[in-house]
Amino acid sequence: FSANGVRVAWGKLTLYARYHTGGHRRSFFRRMMHLGEGLAPAHFFSELGTHRAVTIEGQWAHISLAELESMGRAARASPVLEELRILDAAWLAWVEERIAVRSALKDLLANRGLRRFE
């Protein structure tokens, strides 16, 4: 390991912990030790960090509340996001916790650069 390698790894840990668990590194590590249970897909976060337009597609009916909340936090924190689309959003109606869904949607829409939401 080099000092630069450790710095880069610590930076990525901090970034992903912020997205997934609100900045709690220990909680993020615990979820990683359980094979990512409760963590949203990593490709979603990389798209939010690099693409102006992001589309969420697929069947997400079995998403956990923690995953949904981390997706919302990531969208809110994205420095480049301008357009967000959710294809086939019927799965949002299947999530049991309505308050958590509303909270996550507020986070998805809270990005200051967001110009279009479908």
C-alpha atoms as a PDB file:
ATOM      1  CA  PHE A   1       0.000   0.000   0.000  1.00  0.00           C
ATOM      2  CA  SER A   2       1.136   3.499  -0.737  1.00  0.00           C
ATOM      3  CA  ALA A   3       0.080   6.620   1.119  1.00  0.00           C
ATOM      4  CA  ASN A   4      -1.732   7.789  -2.018  1.00  0.00           C
ATOM      5  CA  GLY A   5      -3.578   4.463  -2.287  1.00  0.00           C
ATOM      6  CA  VAL A   6      -4.756   4.749   1.300  1.00  0.00           C
ATOM      7  CA  ARG A   7      -5.873   8.350   0.700  1.00  0.00           C
ATOM      8  CA  VAL A   8      -7.854   7.364  -2.414  1.00  0.00           C
ATOM      9  CA  ALA A   9      -9.453   4.384  -0.637  1.00  0.00           C
ATOM     10  CA  TRP A  10     -10.382   6.528   2.390  1.00  0.00           C
ATOM     11  CA  GLY A  11     -11.916   9.126   0.059  1.00  0.00           C
ATOM     12  CA  LYS A  12     -14.047   6.515  -1.714  1.00  0.00           C
ATOM     13  CA  LEU A  13     -15.112   5.009   1.601  1.00  0.00           C
ATOM     14  CA  THR A  14     -16.172   8.452   2.819  1.00  0.00           C
ATOM     15  CA  LEU A  15     -18.025   9.202  -0.419  1.00  0.00           C
ATOM     16  CA  TYR A  16     -19.965   5.929  -0.516  1.00  0.00           C
ATOM     17  CA  ALA A  17     -20.684   6.058   3.217  1.00  0.00           C
ATOM     18  CA  ARG A  18     -22.130   9.524   2.733  1.00  0.00           C
ATOM     19  CA  TYR A  19     -24.418   8.308  -0.058  1.00  0.00           C
ATOM     20  CA  HIS A  20     -25.460   5.015   1.500  1.00  0.00           C
ATOM     21  CA  THR A  21     -25.583   5.678   5.226  1.00  0.00           C
ATOM     22  CA  GLY A  22     -25.543   9.440   5.619  1.00  0.00           C
ATOM     23  CA  GLY A  23     -21.797   9.470   6.322  1.00  0.00           C
ATOM     24  CA  HIS A  24     -21.635   6.706   8.933  1.00  0.00           C
ATOM     25  CA  ARG A  25     -18.588   4.675   7.873  1.00  0.00           C
ATOM     26  CA  ARG A  26     -19.069   1.949  10.474  1.00  0.00           C
ATOM     27  CA  SER A  27     -22.671   1.365   9.381  1.00  0.00           C
ATOM     28  CA  PHE A  28     -21.522   1.272   5.749  1.00  0.00           C
ATOM     29  CA  PHE A  29     -18.861  -1.335   6.598  1.00  0.00           C
ATOM     30  CA  ARG A  30     -21.447  -3.462   8.423  1.00  0.00           C
ATOM     31  CA  ARG A  31     -23.708  -3.432   5.391  1.00  0.00           C
ATOM     32  CA  MET A  32     -20.795  -4.310   3.119  1.00  0.00           C
ATOM     33  CA  MET A  33     -19.963  -7.254   5.404  1.00  0.00           C
ATOM     34  CA  HIS A  34     -23.536  -8.474   4.840  1.00  0.00           C
ATOM     35  CA  LEU A  35     -22.927  -8.535   1.085  1.00  0.00           C
ATOM     36  CA  GLY A  36     -24.380  -5.093   0.495  1.00  0.00           C
ATOM     37  CA  GLU A  37     -27.794  -5.742   2.019  1.00  0.00           C
ATOM     38  CA  GLY A  38     -29.573  -2.398   2.297  1.00  0.00           C
ATOM     39  CA  LEU A  39     -27.245  -0.644  -0.143  1.00  0.00           C
ATOM     40  CA  ALA A  40     -28.436   0.688  -3.485  1.00  0.00           C
ATOM     41  CA  PRO A  41     -26.547  -0.440  -6.616  1.00  0.00           C
ATOM     42  CA  ALA A  42     -23.144   1.214  -7.031  1.00  0.00           C
ATOM     43  CA  HIS A  43     -23.711   1.933 -10.734  1.00  0.00           C
ATOM     44  CA  PHE A  44     -26.521   4.302  -9.768  1.00  0.00           C
ATOM     45  CA  PHE A  45     -24.113   6.395  -7.690  1.00  0.00           C
ATOM     46  CA  SER A  46     -21.461   6.514 -10.383  1.00  0.00           C
ATOM     47  CA  GLU A  47     -24.082   7.646 -12.916  1.00  0.00           C
ATOM     48  CA  LEU A  48     -25.318  10.360 -10.567  1.00  0.00           C
ATOM     49  CA  GLY A  49     -21.792  11.659 -10.130  1.00  0.00           C
ATOM     50  CA  THR A  50     -20.933  11.787 -13.817  1.00  0.00           C
ATOM     51  CA  HIS A  51     -24.116  12.076 -15.921  1.00  0.00           C
ATOM     52  CA  ARG A  52     -26.422  15.042 -16.326  1.00  0.00           C
ATOM     53  CA  ALA A  53     -29.352  12.771 -17.234  1.00  0.00           C
ATOM     54  CA  VAL A  54     -30.014   9.598 -15.222  1.00  0.00           C
ATOM     55  CA  THR A  55     -32.742   7.029 -15.810  1.00  0.00           C
ATOM     56  CA  ILE A  56     -33.871   4.600 -13.125  1.00  0.00           C
ATOM     57  CA  GLU A  57     -35.323   1.548 -14.794  1.00  0.00           C
ATOM     58  CA  GLY A  58     -36.214  -1.994 -13.899  1.00  0.00           C
ATOM     59  CA  GLN A  59     -38.237  -3.696 -11.220  1.00  0.00           C
ATOM     60  CA  TRP A  60     -37.355  -2.235  -7.839  1.00  0.00           C
ATOM     61  CA  ALA A  61     -40.390  -3.593  -5.967  1.00  0.00           C
ATOM     62  CA  HIS A  62     -38.180  -5.395  -3.431  1.00  0.00           C
ATOM     63  CA  ILE A  63     -36.065  -2.354  -2.620  1.00  0.00           C
ATOM     64  CA  SER A  64     -35.445  -1.796   1.069  1.00  0.00           C
ATOM     65  CA  LEU A  65     -36.139   1.507   2.767  1.00  0.00           C
ATOM     66  CA  ALA A  66     -32.419   1.990   3.374  1.00  0.00           C
ATOM     67  CA  GLU A  67     -31.722   1.552  -0.341  1.00  0.00           C
ATOM     68  CA  LEU A  68     -34.455   3.993  -1.276  1.00  0.00           C
ATOM     69  CA  GLU A  69     -33.193   6.563   1.199  1.00  0.00           C
ATOM     70  CA  SER A  70     -29.607   6.228  -0.011  1.00  0.00           C
ATOM     71  CA  MET A  71     -30.757   6.736  -3.615  1.00  0.00           C
ATOM     72  CA  GLY A  72     -32.504   9.924  -2.542  1.00  0.00           C
ATOM     73  CA  ARG A  73     -29.447  11.217  -0.690  1.00  0.00           C
ATOM     74  CA  ALA A  74     -27.226  10.482  -3.679  1.00  0.00           C
ATOM     75  CA  ALA A  75     -29.521  12.319  -6.092  1.00  0.00           C
ATOM     76  CA  ARG A  76     -29.717  15.307  -3.750  1.00  0.00           C
ATOM     77  CA  ALA A  77     -25.905  15.465  -3.457  1.00  0.00           C
ATOM     78  CA  SER A  78     -25.119  15.003  -7.159  1.00  0.00           C
ATOM     79  CA  PRO A  79     -23.095  17.930  -8.518  1.00  0.00           C
ATOM     80  CA  VAL A  80     -24.085  17.369 -12.163  1.00  0.00           C
ATOM     81  CA  LEU A  81     -27.626  15.984 -12.180  1.00  0.00           C
ATOM     82  CA  GLU A  82     -30.062  17.961 -14.340  1.00  0.00           C
ATOM     83  CA  GLU A  83     -32.576  15.339 -15.482  1.00  0.00           C
ATOM     84  CA  LEU A  84     -33.939  12.338 -13.597  1.00  0.00           C
ATOM     85  CA  ARG A  85     -36.352   9.814 -15.070  1.00  0.00           C
ATOM     86  CA  ILE A  86     -38.012   6.871 -13.366  1.00  0.00           C
ATOM     87  CA  LEU A  87     -39.309   4.356 -15.878  1.00  0.00           C
ATOM     88  CA  ASP A  88     -42.206   2.208 -14.698  1.00  0.00           C
ATOM     89  CA  ALA A  89     -42.568   3.880 -11.305  1.00  0.00           C
ATOM     90  CA  ALA A  90     -45.381   1.514 -10.247  1.00  0.00           C
ATOM     91  CA  TRP A  91     -42.948  -0.170  -7.835  1.00  0.00           C
ATOM     92  CA  LEU A  92     -43.091   2.956  -5.647  1.00  0.00           C
ATOM     93  CA  ALA A  93     -46.706   2.079  -4.787  1.00  0.00           C
ATOM     94  CA  TRP A  94     -45.609  -1.370  -3.582  1.00  0.00           C
ATOM     95  CA  VAL A  95     -43.160  -0.071  -0.994  1.00  0.00           C
ATOM     96  CA  GLU A  96     -44.895  -0.482   2.357  1.00  0.00           C
ATOM     97  CA  GLU A  97     -43.588   2.612   4.148  1.00  0.00           C
ATOM     98  CA  ARG A  98     -45.351   5.533   2.460  1.00  0.00           C
ATOM     99  CA  ILE A  99     -43.648   8.146   4.658  1.00  0.00           C
ATOM    100  CA  ALA A 100     -40.217   6.818   3.688  1.00  0.00           C
ATOM    101  CA  VAL A 101     -41.197   6.882   0.003  1.00  0.00           C
ATOM    102  CA  ARG A 102     -42.300  10.521   0.311  1.00  0.00           C
ATOM    103  CA  SER A 103     -39.074  11.394   2.112  1.00  0.00           C
ATOM    104  CA  ALA A 104     -36.927   9.670  -0.521  1.00  0.00           C
ATOM    105  CA  LEU A 105     -38.835  11.384  -3.340  1.00  0.00           C
ATOM    106  CA  LYS A 106     -38.281  14.746  -1.650  1.00  0.00           C
ATOM    107  CA  ASP A 107     -34.560  13.965  -1.576  1.00  0.00           C
ATOM    108  CA  LEU A 108     -34.626  12.905  -5.223  1.00  0.00           C
ATOM    109  CA  LEU A 109     -36.185  16.267  -6.101  1.00  0.00           C
ATOM    110  CA  ALA A 110     -34.074  18.396  -3.729  1.00  0.00           C
ATOM    111  CA  ASN A 111     -31.072  18.674  -6.040  1.00  0.00           C
ATOM    112  CA  ARG A 112     -30.649  22.355  -6.898  1.00  0.00           C
ATOM    113  CA  GLY A 113     -29.472  21.606 -10.424  1.00  0.00           C
ATOM    114  CA  LEU A 114     -32.410  19.333 -11.262  1.00  0.00           C
ATOM    115  CA  ARG A 115     -34.385  20.825 -14.133  1.00  0.00           C
ATOM    116  CA  ARG A 116     -36.509  17.914 -15.250  1.00  0.00           C
ATOM    117  CA  PHE A 117     -38.118  15.003 -13.412  1.00  0.00           C
ATOM    118  CA  GLU A 118     -40.286  12.356 -15.057  1.00  0.00           C
END
